[in-house]
Amino acid sequence: MANRPVTPVDLLRDAFDRVHEELPSTVADLSVDELLWQPAPGANPIGWLAWHLSRVQDDHLAELAGVEQVWTSEGWADRFSLPYETGEIGYGQSPDQVAAFTLPDPGLLTGYHSAVHELTLSVLEGEEERGLGRVVDDRWDPPVTAAARLVSVVNDTTQHLGQAAYVRGLVEHRRVSASGS
C-alpha cells in the first residue's frame, strides 16, 4: 500500500489522540480527595483541569460541527452534577468557582473525555470536507478559521494536561512524604 500524504487533519487527529492517550494515566489511581486537592489556595486541582480541558474541547468541536455538545446530549452534565450553569466550560472561573468543583466518581473524568474524543474524531473527519480555512468566528481581527480554532483547542488541552500531570507529581510527593519513605 502506497503512503498517502499526511494532511493537516491527520496532524490534528494525532495531537488529540495524544491527549486522549495521556489523560487516563494522569488521573489513574487517584482518590477523589487527591483529584480535588489544590496545591495552593486558588490553584487548579487535577480533577478540575481534566474536566475543563474536556469541556473546552467539547464546546469548541461541537460548535465547529454545528452539533450539540456531548456534555448535554449524552447526559454528562447530569452525571457530574456540578454547581455550575450547564453551559459552563471553566473559562474565566474564579478561585471560589474552581474550589466548588465536585466529583462524585473519578471515572467520570475519563468517561467524559472518551466521549468528547469520539466527537472530536467525528468532527475532524468532517473538517476534511468543510475545509480548515473557513471562517468560524468573525468577531476577531483577523477572523478565526477552523484551523486556528482547532490549533487553539490543541494548545489549551495540552497545557492543561501538563498542568494536571505536574499536580499529580505533587500529589505523589505528598503520598511519599506522608508514608515516611
N, C-alpha and C. Protein backbone atom coordinates (compact mmCIF):
# COMPACT_ATOMS: atom_id res chain seq x y z
N MET A 1 0.85 -1.17 0.00
CA MET A 1 0.00 0.00 0.00
C MET A 1 0.90 1.24 0.00
N ALA A 2 0.61 2.14 -0.90
CA ALA A 2 1.42 3.35 -1.02
C ALA A 2 1.13 4.30 0.13
N ASN A 3 2.17 5.01 0.53
CA ASN A 3 1.98 6.03 1.56
C ASN A 3 1.18 7.18 0.98
N ARG A 4 0.22 7.64 1.71
CA ARG A 4 -0.52 8.82 1.27
C ARG A 4 0.05 10.02 1.98
N PRO A 5 -0.10 11.18 1.40
CA PRO A 5 0.42 12.38 2.06
C PRO A 5 -0.30 12.62 3.40
N VAL A 6 0.45 13.11 4.35
CA VAL A 6 -0.12 13.46 5.65
C VAL A 6 -0.86 14.79 5.49
N THR A 7 -2.08 14.82 5.97
CA THR A 7 -2.89 16.03 5.85
C THR A 7 -2.88 16.81 7.16
N PRO A 8 -3.29 18.06 7.13
CA PRO A 8 -3.42 18.82 8.39
C PRO A 8 -4.38 18.14 9.37
N VAL A 9 -5.44 17.52 8.86
CA VAL A 9 -6.37 16.83 9.74
C VAL A 9 -5.69 15.63 10.40
N ASP A 10 -4.81 14.95 9.68
CA ASP A 10 -4.04 13.84 10.28
C ASP A 10 -3.22 14.34 11.47
N LEU A 11 -2.58 15.49 11.30
CA LEU A 11 -1.77 16.06 12.38
C LEU A 11 -2.65 16.44 13.58
N LEU A 12 -3.80 17.03 13.31
CA LEU A 12 -4.70 17.39 14.40
C LEU A 12 -5.22 16.15 15.11
N ARG A 13 -5.57 15.13 14.34
CA ARG A 13 -6.04 13.88 14.94
C ARG A 13 -4.96 13.30 15.85
N ASP A 14 -3.72 13.31 15.39
CA ASP A 14 -2.62 12.79 16.20
C ASP A 14 -2.48 13.58 17.51
N ALA A 15 -2.59 14.90 17.42
CA ALA A 15 -2.47 15.73 18.63
C ALA A 15 -3.59 15.41 19.62
N PHE A 16 -4.83 15.31 19.14
CA PHE A 16 -5.94 14.99 20.04
C PHE A 16 -5.83 13.56 20.57
N ASP A 17 -5.35 12.63 19.73
CA ASP A 17 -5.13 11.25 20.20
C ASP A 17 -4.13 11.21 21.35
N ARG A 18 -3.09 12.02 21.27
CA ARG A 18 -2.07 12.03 22.33
C ARG A 18 -2.65 12.48 23.67
N VAL A 19 -3.49 13.52 23.64
CA VAL A 19 -4.14 13.97 24.88
C VAL A 19 -5.03 12.84 25.40
N HIS A 20 -5.80 12.24 24.50
CA HIS A 20 -6.71 11.16 24.89
C HIS A 20 -5.96 9.97 25.50
N GLU A 21 -4.78 9.68 24.98
CA GLU A 21 -3.98 8.56 25.50
C GLU A 21 -3.36 8.88 26.85
N GLU A 22 -3.00 10.13 27.09
CA GLU A 22 -2.31 10.52 28.32
C GLU A 22 -3.24 10.82 29.50
N LEU A 23 -4.43 11.30 29.21
CA LEU A 23 -5.32 11.71 30.31
C LEU A 23 -5.61 10.58 31.30
N PRO A 24 -5.93 9.36 30.85
CA PRO A 24 -6.23 8.31 31.83
C PRO A 24 -5.10 8.06 32.83
N SER A 25 -3.84 8.05 32.38
CA SER A 25 -2.74 7.80 33.32
C SER A 25 -2.51 8.99 34.25
N THR A 26 -2.95 10.14 33.85
CA THR A 26 -2.79 11.33 34.69
C THR A 26 -3.76 11.31 35.88
N VAL A 27 -4.92 10.69 35.69
CA VAL A 27 -5.92 10.66 36.76
C VAL A 27 -6.03 9.28 37.42
N ALA A 28 -5.36 8.27 36.84
CA ALA A 28 -5.48 6.89 37.33
C ALA A 28 -5.04 6.74 38.78
N ASP A 29 -5.77 5.92 39.50
CA ASP A 29 -5.42 5.52 40.87
C ASP A 29 -5.36 6.68 41.86
N LEU A 30 -6.00 7.77 41.54
CA LEU A 30 -6.08 8.88 42.49
C LEU A 30 -7.45 8.87 43.16
N SER A 31 -7.47 9.16 44.43
CA SER A 31 -8.74 9.25 45.16
C SER A 31 -9.45 10.54 44.78
N VAL A 32 -10.70 10.63 45.14
CA VAL A 32 -11.45 11.87 44.91
C VAL A 32 -10.75 13.02 45.63
N ASP A 33 -10.31 12.79 46.86
CA ASP A 33 -9.60 13.84 47.60
C ASP A 33 -8.35 14.30 46.87
N GLU A 34 -7.61 13.36 46.30
CA GLU A 34 -6.40 13.73 45.56
C GLU A 34 -6.74 14.47 44.27
N LEU A 35 -7.81 14.07 43.61
CA LEU A 35 -8.23 14.74 42.37
C LEU A 35 -8.74 16.16 42.64
N LEU A 36 -9.20 16.40 43.86
CA LEU A 36 -9.73 17.73 44.22
C LEU A 36 -8.73 18.57 45.01
N TRP A 37 -7.57 17.99 45.34
CA TRP A 37 -6.57 18.70 46.13
C TRP A 37 -5.99 19.87 45.34
N GLN A 38 -5.90 21.01 46.01
CA GLN A 38 -5.31 22.21 45.41
C GLN A 38 -3.96 22.43 46.07
N PRO A 39 -2.87 22.49 45.28
CA PRO A 39 -1.54 22.66 45.86
C PRO A 39 -1.35 23.99 46.58
N ALA A 40 -2.19 24.96 46.28
CA ALA A 40 -2.17 26.26 46.95
C ALA A 40 -3.57 26.86 46.79
N PRO A 41 -3.94 27.77 47.67
CA PRO A 41 -5.25 28.41 47.51
C PRO A 41 -5.37 29.05 46.12
N GLY A 42 -6.46 28.75 45.44
CA GLY A 42 -6.69 29.29 44.12
C GLY A 42 -6.09 28.49 42.99
N ALA A 43 -5.29 27.46 43.31
CA ALA A 43 -4.67 26.63 42.27
C ALA A 43 -5.70 25.62 41.74
N ASN A 44 -5.49 25.20 40.51
CA ASN A 44 -6.42 24.27 39.87
C ASN A 44 -6.09 22.83 40.25
N PRO A 45 -7.08 22.08 40.74
CA PRO A 45 -6.85 20.66 41.04
C PRO A 45 -6.90 19.81 39.77
N ILE A 46 -6.36 18.62 39.86
CA ILE A 46 -6.30 17.69 38.72
C ILE A 46 -7.69 17.44 38.16
N GLY A 47 -8.65 17.15 39.00
CA GLY A 47 -10.00 16.85 38.53
C GLY A 47 -10.60 17.99 37.74
N TRP A 48 -10.45 19.20 38.26
CA TRP A 48 -10.99 20.36 37.55
C TRP A 48 -10.28 20.54 36.22
N LEU A 49 -8.96 20.38 36.19
CA LEU A 49 -8.20 20.53 34.95
C LEU A 49 -8.65 19.53 33.89
N ALA A 50 -8.84 18.27 34.30
CA ALA A 50 -9.28 17.24 33.36
C ALA A 50 -10.69 17.55 32.84
N TRP A 51 -11.57 17.98 33.75
CA TRP A 51 -12.92 18.36 33.35
C TRP A 51 -12.88 19.55 32.39
N HIS A 52 -12.14 20.57 32.75
CA HIS A 52 -12.07 21.80 31.97
C HIS A 52 -11.51 21.55 30.57
N LEU A 53 -10.43 20.81 30.45
CA LEU A 53 -9.88 20.58 29.12
C LEU A 53 -10.86 19.80 28.25
N SER A 54 -11.61 18.90 28.86
CA SER A 54 -12.63 18.16 28.11
C SER A 54 -13.81 19.05 27.73
N ARG A 55 -14.20 19.93 28.65
CA ARG A 55 -15.32 20.84 28.38
C ARG A 55 -14.98 21.80 27.24
N VAL A 56 -13.78 22.36 27.26
CA VAL A 56 -13.38 23.29 26.19
C VAL A 56 -13.38 22.55 24.85
N GLN A 57 -12.80 21.36 24.84
CA GLN A 57 -12.75 20.58 23.60
C GLN A 57 -14.16 20.26 23.11
N ASP A 58 -15.03 19.82 24.00
CA ASP A 58 -16.41 19.50 23.66
C ASP A 58 -17.12 20.74 23.10
N ASP A 59 -17.02 21.84 23.81
CA ASP A 59 -17.68 23.09 23.42
C ASP A 59 -17.23 23.54 22.03
N HIS A 60 -15.93 23.61 21.84
CA HIS A 60 -15.41 24.16 20.59
C HIS A 60 -15.60 23.23 19.40
N LEU A 61 -15.42 21.93 19.60
CA LEU A 61 -15.58 20.99 18.49
C LEU A 61 -17.05 20.85 18.09
N ALA A 62 -17.93 20.83 19.08
CA ALA A 62 -19.37 20.76 18.76
C ALA A 62 -19.80 22.01 17.99
N GLU A 63 -19.27 23.16 18.38
CA GLU A 63 -19.60 24.39 17.67
C GLU A 63 -19.11 24.33 16.22
N LEU A 64 -17.91 23.82 16.01
CA LEU A 64 -17.38 23.70 14.64
C LEU A 64 -18.30 22.86 13.76
N ALA A 65 -18.81 21.78 14.33
CA ALA A 65 -19.64 20.87 13.55
C ALA A 65 -21.12 21.25 13.54
N GLY A 66 -21.49 22.21 14.39
CA GLY A 66 -22.90 22.59 14.47
C GLY A 66 -23.75 21.51 15.10
N VAL A 67 -23.19 20.81 16.10
CA VAL A 67 -23.92 19.76 16.79
C VAL A 67 -23.96 20.07 18.29
N GLU A 68 -24.81 19.37 19.00
CA GLU A 68 -24.91 19.54 20.45
C GLU A 68 -23.69 18.93 21.13
N GLN A 69 -23.26 19.56 22.18
CA GLN A 69 -22.13 19.03 22.96
C GLN A 69 -22.52 17.71 23.61
N VAL A 70 -21.55 16.80 23.74
CA VAL A 70 -21.84 15.54 24.42
C VAL A 70 -22.12 15.78 25.90
N TRP A 71 -21.67 16.90 26.44
CA TRP A 71 -21.94 17.27 27.84
C TRP A 71 -23.44 17.18 28.13
N THR A 72 -24.25 17.67 27.19
CA THR A 72 -25.69 17.62 27.38
C THR A 72 -26.34 16.48 26.61
N SER A 73 -25.90 16.22 25.39
CA SER A 73 -26.57 15.20 24.57
C SER A 73 -26.42 13.79 25.14
N GLU A 74 -25.34 13.54 25.87
CA GLU A 74 -25.12 12.20 26.43
C GLU A 74 -25.28 12.17 27.95
N GLY A 75 -25.78 13.26 28.53
CA GLY A 75 -26.10 13.27 29.95
C GLY A 75 -24.94 13.46 30.91
N TRP A 76 -23.79 13.91 30.42
CA TRP A 76 -22.64 14.08 31.31
C TRP A 76 -22.87 15.20 32.33
N ALA A 77 -23.58 16.24 31.94
CA ALA A 77 -23.87 17.34 32.87
C ALA A 77 -24.63 16.81 34.08
N ASP A 78 -25.59 15.94 33.85
CA ASP A 78 -26.36 15.37 34.95
C ASP A 78 -25.51 14.44 35.81
N ARG A 79 -24.65 13.66 35.19
CA ARG A 79 -23.80 12.73 35.94
C ARG A 79 -22.80 13.46 36.83
N PHE A 80 -22.22 14.53 36.31
CA PHE A 80 -21.27 15.31 37.12
C PHE A 80 -22.00 16.11 38.20
N SER A 81 -23.17 16.62 37.88
CA SER A 81 -23.98 17.39 38.82
C SER A 81 -23.17 18.50 39.51
N LEU A 82 -22.52 19.31 38.69
CA LEU A 82 -21.67 20.38 39.22
C LEU A 82 -22.48 21.61 39.62
N PRO A 83 -21.93 22.43 40.51
CA PRO A 83 -22.64 23.64 40.95
C PRO A 83 -22.45 24.80 39.97
N TYR A 84 -22.43 24.49 38.67
CA TYR A 84 -22.24 25.49 37.62
C TYR A 84 -23.44 25.47 36.68
N GLU A 85 -23.56 26.53 35.90
CA GLU A 85 -24.55 26.54 34.83
C GLU A 85 -24.18 25.43 33.84
N THR A 86 -25.16 24.84 33.19
CA THR A 86 -24.92 23.72 32.28
C THR A 86 -23.92 24.06 31.19
N GLY A 87 -23.94 25.28 30.67
CA GLY A 87 -23.05 25.65 29.59
C GLY A 87 -21.64 26.03 30.02
N GLU A 88 -21.38 26.03 31.30
CA GLU A 88 -20.07 26.44 31.83
C GLU A 88 -18.98 25.49 31.35
N ILE A 89 -17.85 26.07 30.93
CA ILE A 89 -16.71 25.25 30.50
C ILE A 89 -15.48 25.48 31.37
N GLY A 90 -15.59 26.37 32.35
CA GLY A 90 -14.48 26.64 33.26
C GLY A 90 -13.66 27.85 32.89
N TYR A 91 -13.82 28.36 31.69
CA TYR A 91 -13.03 29.51 31.26
C TYR A 91 -13.39 30.73 32.10
N GLY A 92 -12.38 31.36 32.69
CA GLY A 92 -12.59 32.57 33.47
C GLY A 92 -13.20 32.35 34.84
N GLN A 93 -13.25 31.11 35.30
CA GLN A 93 -13.83 30.88 36.62
C GLN A 93 -12.94 31.48 37.71
N SER A 94 -13.59 31.94 38.76
CA SER A 94 -12.88 32.48 39.91
C SER A 94 -12.30 31.34 40.74
N PRO A 95 -11.36 31.64 41.62
CA PRO A 95 -10.83 30.59 42.51
C PRO A 95 -11.94 29.92 43.32
N ASP A 96 -12.94 30.67 43.75
CA ASP A 96 -14.05 30.07 44.50
C ASP A 96 -14.86 29.10 43.64
N GLN A 97 -15.06 29.45 42.38
CA GLN A 97 -15.78 28.56 41.49
C GLN A 97 -14.99 27.28 41.23
N VAL A 98 -13.69 27.41 41.05
CA VAL A 98 -12.85 26.23 40.86
C VAL A 98 -12.89 25.36 42.11
N ALA A 99 -12.80 25.97 43.27
CA ALA A 99 -12.82 25.22 44.54
C ALA A 99 -14.16 24.52 44.77
N ALA A 100 -15.23 25.00 44.13
CA ALA A 100 -16.55 24.40 44.29
C ALA A 100 -16.72 23.14 43.43
N PHE A 101 -15.74 22.84 42.57
CA PHE A 101 -15.80 21.65 41.71
C PHE A 101 -15.91 20.42 42.58
N THR A 102 -16.82 19.53 42.23
CA THR A 102 -17.01 18.28 42.95
C THR A 102 -16.89 17.13 41.97
N LEU A 103 -16.69 15.95 42.49
CA LEU A 103 -16.52 14.78 41.64
C LEU A 103 -17.12 13.57 42.33
N PRO A 104 -18.35 13.19 41.95
CA PRO A 104 -18.97 12.04 42.60
C PRO A 104 -18.31 10.71 42.28
N ASP A 105 -17.63 10.63 41.13
CA ASP A 105 -16.99 9.38 40.70
C ASP A 105 -15.80 9.73 39.81
N PRO A 106 -14.58 9.33 40.19
CA PRO A 106 -13.40 9.65 39.38
C PRO A 106 -13.50 9.15 37.93
N GLY A 107 -14.22 8.07 37.71
CA GLY A 107 -14.37 7.51 36.37
C GLY A 107 -15.09 8.45 35.41
N LEU A 108 -15.80 9.43 35.95
CA LEU A 108 -16.48 10.39 35.09
C LEU A 108 -15.49 11.17 34.23
N LEU A 109 -14.31 11.45 34.77
CA LEU A 109 -13.33 12.25 34.03
C LEU A 109 -12.89 11.55 32.75
N THR A 110 -12.52 10.29 32.85
CA THR A 110 -12.07 9.57 31.66
C THR A 110 -13.25 9.18 30.77
N GLY A 111 -14.39 8.89 31.36
CA GLY A 111 -15.57 8.57 30.56
C GLY A 111 -16.01 9.75 29.71
N TYR A 112 -16.08 10.91 30.34
CA TYR A 112 -16.48 12.10 29.60
C TYR A 112 -15.45 12.44 28.53
N HIS A 113 -14.17 12.37 28.89
CA HIS A 113 -13.16 12.70 27.89
C HIS A 113 -13.21 11.73 26.71
N SER A 114 -13.47 10.47 26.96
CA SER A 114 -13.59 9.50 25.86
C SER A 114 -14.74 9.86 24.93
N ALA A 115 -15.85 10.27 25.52
CA ALA A 115 -17.00 10.69 24.70
C ALA A 115 -16.65 11.93 23.87
N VAL A 116 -15.94 12.86 24.48
CA VAL A 116 -15.50 14.06 23.77
C VAL A 116 -14.53 13.69 22.65
N HIS A 117 -13.65 12.74 22.92
CA HIS A 117 -12.69 12.32 21.90
C HIS A 117 -13.41 11.71 20.70
N GLU A 118 -14.44 10.92 20.95
CA GLU A 118 -15.22 10.35 19.85
C GLU A 118 -15.86 11.46 19.01
N LEU A 119 -16.42 12.47 19.68
CA LEU A 119 -16.96 13.63 18.96
C LEU A 119 -15.86 14.29 18.14
N THR A 120 -14.70 14.47 18.75
CA THR A 120 -13.58 15.13 18.08
C THR A 120 -13.19 14.39 16.81
N LEU A 121 -13.06 13.07 16.88
CA LEU A 121 -12.69 12.31 15.70
C LEU A 121 -13.73 12.45 14.60
N SER A 122 -14.98 12.45 14.99
CA SER A 122 -16.06 12.63 14.02
C SER A 122 -16.00 14.02 13.37
N VAL A 123 -15.78 15.03 14.19
CA VAL A 123 -15.70 16.39 13.66
C VAL A 123 -14.51 16.53 12.73
N LEU A 124 -13.37 15.96 13.11
CA LEU A 124 -12.19 16.06 12.26
C LEU A 124 -12.41 15.39 10.90
N GLU A 125 -13.12 14.28 10.88
CA GLU A 125 -13.44 13.65 9.60
C GLU A 125 -14.20 14.62 8.71
N GLY A 126 -15.15 15.33 9.28
CA GLY A 126 -15.94 16.29 8.52
C GLY A 126 -15.16 17.51 8.09
N GLU A 127 -14.12 17.83 8.84
CA GLU A 127 -13.33 19.02 8.51
C GLU A 127 -12.61 18.88 7.19
N GLU A 128 -12.28 17.66 6.80
CA GLU A 128 -11.62 17.46 5.51
C GLU A 128 -12.54 17.95 4.39
N GLU A 129 -13.85 17.74 4.56
CA GLU A 129 -14.81 18.18 3.54
C GLU A 129 -15.17 19.66 3.69
N ARG A 130 -15.36 20.11 4.93
CA ARG A 130 -15.78 21.50 5.16
C ARG A 130 -14.66 22.49 4.90
N GLY A 131 -13.43 22.08 5.14
CA GLY A 131 -12.28 22.94 4.88
C GLY A 131 -11.80 23.67 6.12
N LEU A 132 -10.53 23.53 6.39
CA LEU A 132 -9.93 24.15 7.57
C LEU A 132 -9.77 25.66 7.43
N GLY A 133 -9.83 26.17 6.22
CA GLY A 133 -9.66 27.61 6.01
C GLY A 133 -10.92 28.43 6.16
N ARG A 134 -12.06 27.75 6.39
CA ARG A 134 -13.30 28.50 6.50
C ARG A 134 -13.34 29.32 7.80
N VAL A 135 -13.94 30.49 7.75
CA VAL A 135 -14.05 31.36 8.91
C VAL A 135 -15.15 30.82 9.81
N VAL A 136 -14.82 30.66 11.10
CA VAL A 136 -15.78 30.14 12.06
C VAL A 136 -16.15 31.17 13.12
N ASP A 137 -15.40 32.27 13.19
CA ASP A 137 -15.69 33.32 14.16
C ASP A 137 -15.15 34.63 13.62
N ASP A 138 -16.08 35.50 13.21
CA ASP A 138 -15.65 36.77 12.61
C ASP A 138 -15.64 37.92 13.62
N ARG A 139 -15.71 37.60 14.91
CA ARG A 139 -15.64 38.64 15.94
C ARG A 139 -14.21 39.09 16.18
N TRP A 140 -13.24 38.44 15.58
CA TRP A 140 -11.83 38.73 15.79
C TRP A 140 -11.24 39.35 14.53
N ASP A 141 -10.12 40.01 14.69
CA ASP A 141 -9.40 40.57 13.56
C ASP A 141 -7.96 40.07 13.62
N PRO A 142 -7.54 39.16 12.79
CA PRO A 142 -8.30 38.60 11.67
C PRO A 142 -9.34 37.59 12.16
N PRO A 143 -10.34 37.31 11.33
CA PRO A 143 -11.35 36.31 11.69
C PRO A 143 -10.69 34.94 11.95
N VAL A 144 -11.31 34.17 12.81
CA VAL A 144 -10.78 32.86 13.22
C VAL A 144 -11.23 31.79 12.22
N THR A 145 -10.28 31.04 11.72
CA THR A 145 -10.58 29.92 10.82
C THR A 145 -10.77 28.64 11.63
N ALA A 146 -11.31 27.62 10.99
CA ALA A 146 -11.44 26.32 11.64
C ALA A 146 -10.07 25.80 12.08
N ALA A 147 -9.07 25.99 11.23
CA ALA A 147 -7.71 25.54 11.58
C ALA A 147 -7.21 26.24 12.83
N ALA A 148 -7.37 27.55 12.89
CA ALA A 148 -6.90 28.30 14.06
C ALA A 148 -7.64 27.86 15.32
N ARG A 149 -8.95 27.63 15.21
CA ARG A 149 -9.73 27.18 16.37
C ARG A 149 -9.24 25.82 16.84
N LEU A 150 -9.00 24.91 15.92
CA LEU A 150 -8.55 23.57 16.30
C LEU A 150 -7.15 23.60 16.93
N VAL A 151 -6.26 24.39 16.39
CA VAL A 151 -4.92 24.52 16.97
C VAL A 151 -5.02 25.13 18.37
N SER A 152 -5.91 26.09 18.54
CA SER A 152 -6.12 26.71 19.84
C SER A 152 -6.60 25.67 20.87
N VAL A 153 -7.50 24.80 20.45
CA VAL A 153 -8.00 23.77 21.36
C VAL A 153 -6.88 22.78 21.71
N VAL A 154 -6.09 22.39 20.72
CA VAL A 154 -4.96 21.50 21.00
C VAL A 154 -4.02 22.16 22.01
N ASN A 155 -3.73 23.43 21.79
CA ASN A 155 -2.85 24.16 22.69
C ASN A 155 -3.42 24.18 24.12
N ASP A 156 -4.69 24.49 24.24
CA ASP A 156 -5.33 24.56 25.55
C ASP A 156 -5.32 23.21 26.25
N THR A 157 -5.70 22.16 25.52
CA THR A 157 -5.78 20.85 26.16
C THR A 157 -4.41 20.33 26.57
N THR A 158 -3.40 20.55 25.75
CA THR A 158 -2.06 20.07 26.12
C THR A 158 -1.50 20.84 27.30
N GLN A 159 -1.77 22.15 27.37
CA GLN A 159 -1.31 22.91 28.53
C GLN A 159 -1.96 22.40 29.81
N HIS A 160 -3.27 22.19 29.77
CA HIS A 160 -3.96 21.74 30.98
C HIS A 160 -3.61 20.30 31.35
N LEU A 161 -3.36 19.46 30.35
CA LEU A 161 -2.91 18.11 30.66
C LEU A 161 -1.55 18.14 31.35
N GLY A 162 -0.66 19.00 30.87
CA GLY A 162 0.65 19.15 31.50
C GLY A 162 0.53 19.68 32.93
N GLN A 163 -0.39 20.62 33.14
CA GLN A 163 -0.60 21.13 34.49
C GLN A 163 -1.11 20.03 35.40
N ALA A 164 -2.05 19.23 34.90
CA ALA A 164 -2.60 18.13 35.70
C ALA A 164 -1.50 17.11 36.04
N ALA A 165 -0.64 16.82 35.08
CA ALA A 165 0.46 15.88 35.33
C ALA A 165 1.42 16.44 36.39
N TYR A 166 1.66 17.74 36.34
CA TYR A 166 2.52 18.37 37.34
C TYR A 166 1.90 18.25 38.73
N VAL A 167 0.61 18.55 38.84
CA VAL A 167 -0.06 18.46 40.14
C VAL A 167 -0.07 17.00 40.60
N ARG A 168 -0.21 16.06 39.67
CA ARG A 168 -0.15 14.65 40.05
C ARG A 168 1.21 14.34 40.70
N GLY A 169 2.28 14.89 40.14
CA GLY A 169 3.60 14.71 40.74
C GLY A 169 3.65 15.24 42.16
N LEU A 170 3.00 16.37 42.40
CA LEU A 170 2.93 16.92 43.76
C LEU A 170 2.13 16.00 44.68
N VAL A 171 1.04 15.45 44.16
CA VAL A 171 0.22 14.51 44.95
C VAL A 171 1.06 13.29 45.32
N GLU A 172 1.80 12.76 44.36
CA GLU A 172 2.61 11.58 44.63
C GLU A 172 3.72 11.90 45.64
N HIS A 173 4.29 13.09 45.55
CA HIS A 173 5.29 13.51 46.54
C HIS A 173 4.67 13.58 47.93
N ARG A 174 3.45 14.09 48.04
CA ARG A 174 2.75 14.14 49.33
C ARG A 174 2.54 12.74 49.87
N ARG A 175 2.18 11.79 48.99
CA ARG A 175 1.98 10.41 49.42
C ARG A 175 3.26 9.85 50.05
N VAL A 176 4.37 10.06 49.35
CA VAL A 176 5.66 9.54 49.82
C VAL A 176 6.02 10.21 51.15
N SER A 177 5.85 11.50 51.23
CA SER A 177 6.18 12.23 52.45
C SER A 177 5.30 11.79 53.62
N ALA A 178 4.02 11.52 53.34
CA ALA A 178 3.09 11.11 54.39
C ALA A 178 3.41 9.69 54.89
N SER A 179 3.95 8.86 53.99
CA SER A 179 4.25 7.48 54.41
C SER A 179 5.61 7.39 55.11
N GLY A 180 6.37 8.48 55.09
CA GLY A 180 7.65 8.50 55.77
C GLY A 180 8.78 7.83 54.98
N SER A 181 8.52 7.54 53.73
CA SER A 181 9.53 6.85 52.89
C SER A 181 10.50 7.83 52.32
